[in-house]
Every structure is written in C-alpha cells, then in structure tokens.
C-alpha cells in the first residue's frame, strides 16, 4: 500500500510516492514528462512511474475551498468545480477510484516536506513563499510525539503582504518572467548597487518587522516606482531588501525559543544568497532540496504517513538505467572540456546535482561564455561548482561544513584560478559531494587525480525556458540540437 502526494493546478505540478515503511519510492516533476516548463498539470506519462503500485491514499497539497475563497477575495474567478476533495480527486485522480483522498493546508504541506525529511526530533519551521491559501509566511513549532509529527503554528502573515510576491514583482519589473525567473534576478543583483534597497523600501514597505507592504503585488503594478532605475540596481536593491525581510522572519522564529534547529521551506528558500546567513540565528539548518510547491507533493504525503521519512538523497525521479559513465565522461572532459550526463535517477528539485548535469572544466576562462551560449542564457549568468566535500573549505569560505544541494553561496578563495564558476562578486553557489561512492563522486576523484583540480562546473542539462532532460530520448535531442555529447 502506498501514499501518493500531489501538487497540481497552479505551477510546477509534481507527484511523490511513499511506501508503508516511510521510503520515498518516487518524486518527480510533471514538466519533465510534458516538456512544458513549470507545467501546472499532471502529464499522463508521470503516472506511469507509479501505475504498477497499489495506492491506498492520495494527498493533495492545499485546501481547495480555502484556496478558492482567497482567489475570490483577490478578484480571481471562483471555480465551483474545484472546491472539494472529491472534485479534486475526480479531476486529477480518477484512475485511483478506491483510494482515500486527503487535502492539507498549503503551508503545512511545505512544513511537513521539510521537517519529516530532516534528521531533527524537534525544530522551528519557517515557510516563506508567494502565497498559500491565505498565508504568505508561517512559523511552526514541530516535534515528534510517540513517533508521530505534530505541528503548532506560532505566527503567520497573510495575503496580500508577501515577500515572495514582492520578489516576483521585482522580477517582472526588470523584464523577466515572474514565478519562473526569480533566480535570474538573484544573479543580476551582483552587478547593481544594493543601496537602492532603501529606495525600494520607502516605496513599498510599510513595516519591515511585521512584513507589511503598501501594495498588493499580486494584482498591482510596480513599474512607476522602478522605471527610472537601472535593472541591475533594481535587482540589487530587491535582493538586499528581501534578505532583510527574510532575516526579520528568521529572527522572529528564533525569538520563540522553541528549538536551535531550523527547517526552512517555501519557494523563497531557493534564494541561496539569503540562506547563507541563516546560521547566524540557528545552530542547525535543513532546507529540503525541493522547498517550493513541487516539493509539497512529498509534504502532503508525509502528513498522511505521519512519521519521519527515510530521506537519503534527492535522486528520486525517472531512472536511466546503467552504471554512471565515469570514464567516458572523464575522457570527454579532458578532450573537449564540456560534457552532458544523463544517468541514474533524476533529481527532485530545480537543481541538477550530477545525474542530469552539464559539466565543464572550471579553470578555462572561456568556458562560462561557451556554456551560456549552449544553454541560450544571458552572459552575466553564473555557474556553480561541484567539489569533493573534503576540499570545499580549502577553496571556498563556506558557512557550513557541507552544502550538498547548492543551497548556500560562498566566496571563492582563489577566483582567478576558477573563472568559470565565480560570479561577478567572486562568489559561488557550492555543491559538495561526500565520500558516498556515487557516480559524481567517482568522477570528481578521477578528475582530481588527472588534473589536480577537485571541482567541476555543474549546471542543469537544459536550455533556458525548457525543463531538464529526463530520459534518454531527451538526452539524444539535446545532443543533436546543441552539439554537446550527453553520456548515460
């Protein structure tokens, strides 16, 4: 018997599957099956990953009636066809007619995806996103009682006051796509002047501590206040102001004195610049590698399961069978300096961590431009290093001992030696790889022996505007169109 968790209907739909022992049997994004970036619907092919298993329960990541009420309140259309659990089941899960249907609060699904995959017995959980049903920020006290997870809400901020909506509005203000290209705004911020945070604050923030804004960014326009600013300055100001707002929430969470362990979730938790300072407030921090809405499919299932999940890593998606092509990847790197890898199970989350990656030599000054050209990206965009974990502190000023999911930014100690993986401000979003005998670990070890360099450039195997490569057919298409060998 299995629990199927789902996030569907808004953006980045996903499915997760938990068995009776708390093992995560599958977790994947619908977009990688439909080939539609941030697909809000569940593509029929993703169901093939779970069709052979008996589904006892289906868990939906938000409360449909409450969501419809908020949409009505915000001036959106009220959909009478999507108000109840039964309607949601009929709309999306008709093939599982004998399964029990459950619906959960949006922010509670985020919280469970984080806490029940963490190693903590007790934690303060912070959720910051654009919007749930009505909540935009939530703080929970979480603990296990007799093996079952319990959550007590300590504080919330409600629509329309939203850090996530503010950041999306700033993304739109610089000509990028909101709810998709916020990470580009984060990259742009290194080129601007963060002193403009005060200007943006004077325009948009009523109370920085209470997280209250003067505009509803969900329906309003911000261009009048930003049109005379350089886009890079808008990005820098927005990033700096957002960091201050996030840290006010984290300070508030710390003041409850519930735990020294922090679980941080919601789409805003993907802002790795802000994440770097979380350890100023909490001793231990866990951000599940898929903290946004797609990850809430796992959280919804976790709430039905009730207990701690057996989390091992984020390789939970579609499997391309066969051993990791260590030697052939190494040969291609030594010969051409760039190679794609599509091997094993796909990463659950927005960041490629070695199984659906484009890898390159970080020491070549021309590599960054070459990879950006392949991926059809703006040339200012940075790339991340993947490094043997035991060498990470030697090359980067990391605030943590390990950064296995590219969640923190660190200053590079020798940026002149690795021009392909340092940003304009000499920082990098670091991925560390432990001694776990994984394919990417074996590759890095052999690369280090051959070159004396313990790291590679690592970026997702896709081009801008398209989902990551999922199966071998996708890999063949990528190889044909973009003239880069993709090995499995």
Foldseek 3Di string as FASTA:
>chain_A
DKEWFWEADDWFIKIWIADLVQATQFIDTQCQVVFFHRHRARDPVQCVSPVVDQHAAYFYQAQFQLLLVLCVVVVHDRDPQGHHQVSVCVVHPVVNVNHHYYYDHNVLLLQQLFPLQDPDQWAWEWAAAQATSWFRIWIWTWHDDPQFIDIDTDDTDTPLLHLHLLLQLLCVLLPHHGPHCSVVLLLLQVVADQVCLVVVCVQWPDDLLNRHTPDRSVPDHDNVSPVVDDSSNSSNSSVVSSLSSVVSSLVVSLVVVSALEYEYAEPVLQSQASVQCSCVRHVHYTYQLARYSSSSSVSRSSVVSRGRHDDDFQLRHDADDDAFPQVVVLVCCVVPFKAFEAHTGAGNHQWGQPNQKIKGAQQDLCVLVLVCVLQVHDSQGAFAKEFALVCDVVFWVGPDSFQANLRHKTAGPCCNRGVRHAHPVRIHSYHHDYPPPGSVCVNLVVNCVVPVDGIITIGGCHHPSTGGNGYVVSQVVSCVPRVHHYYD
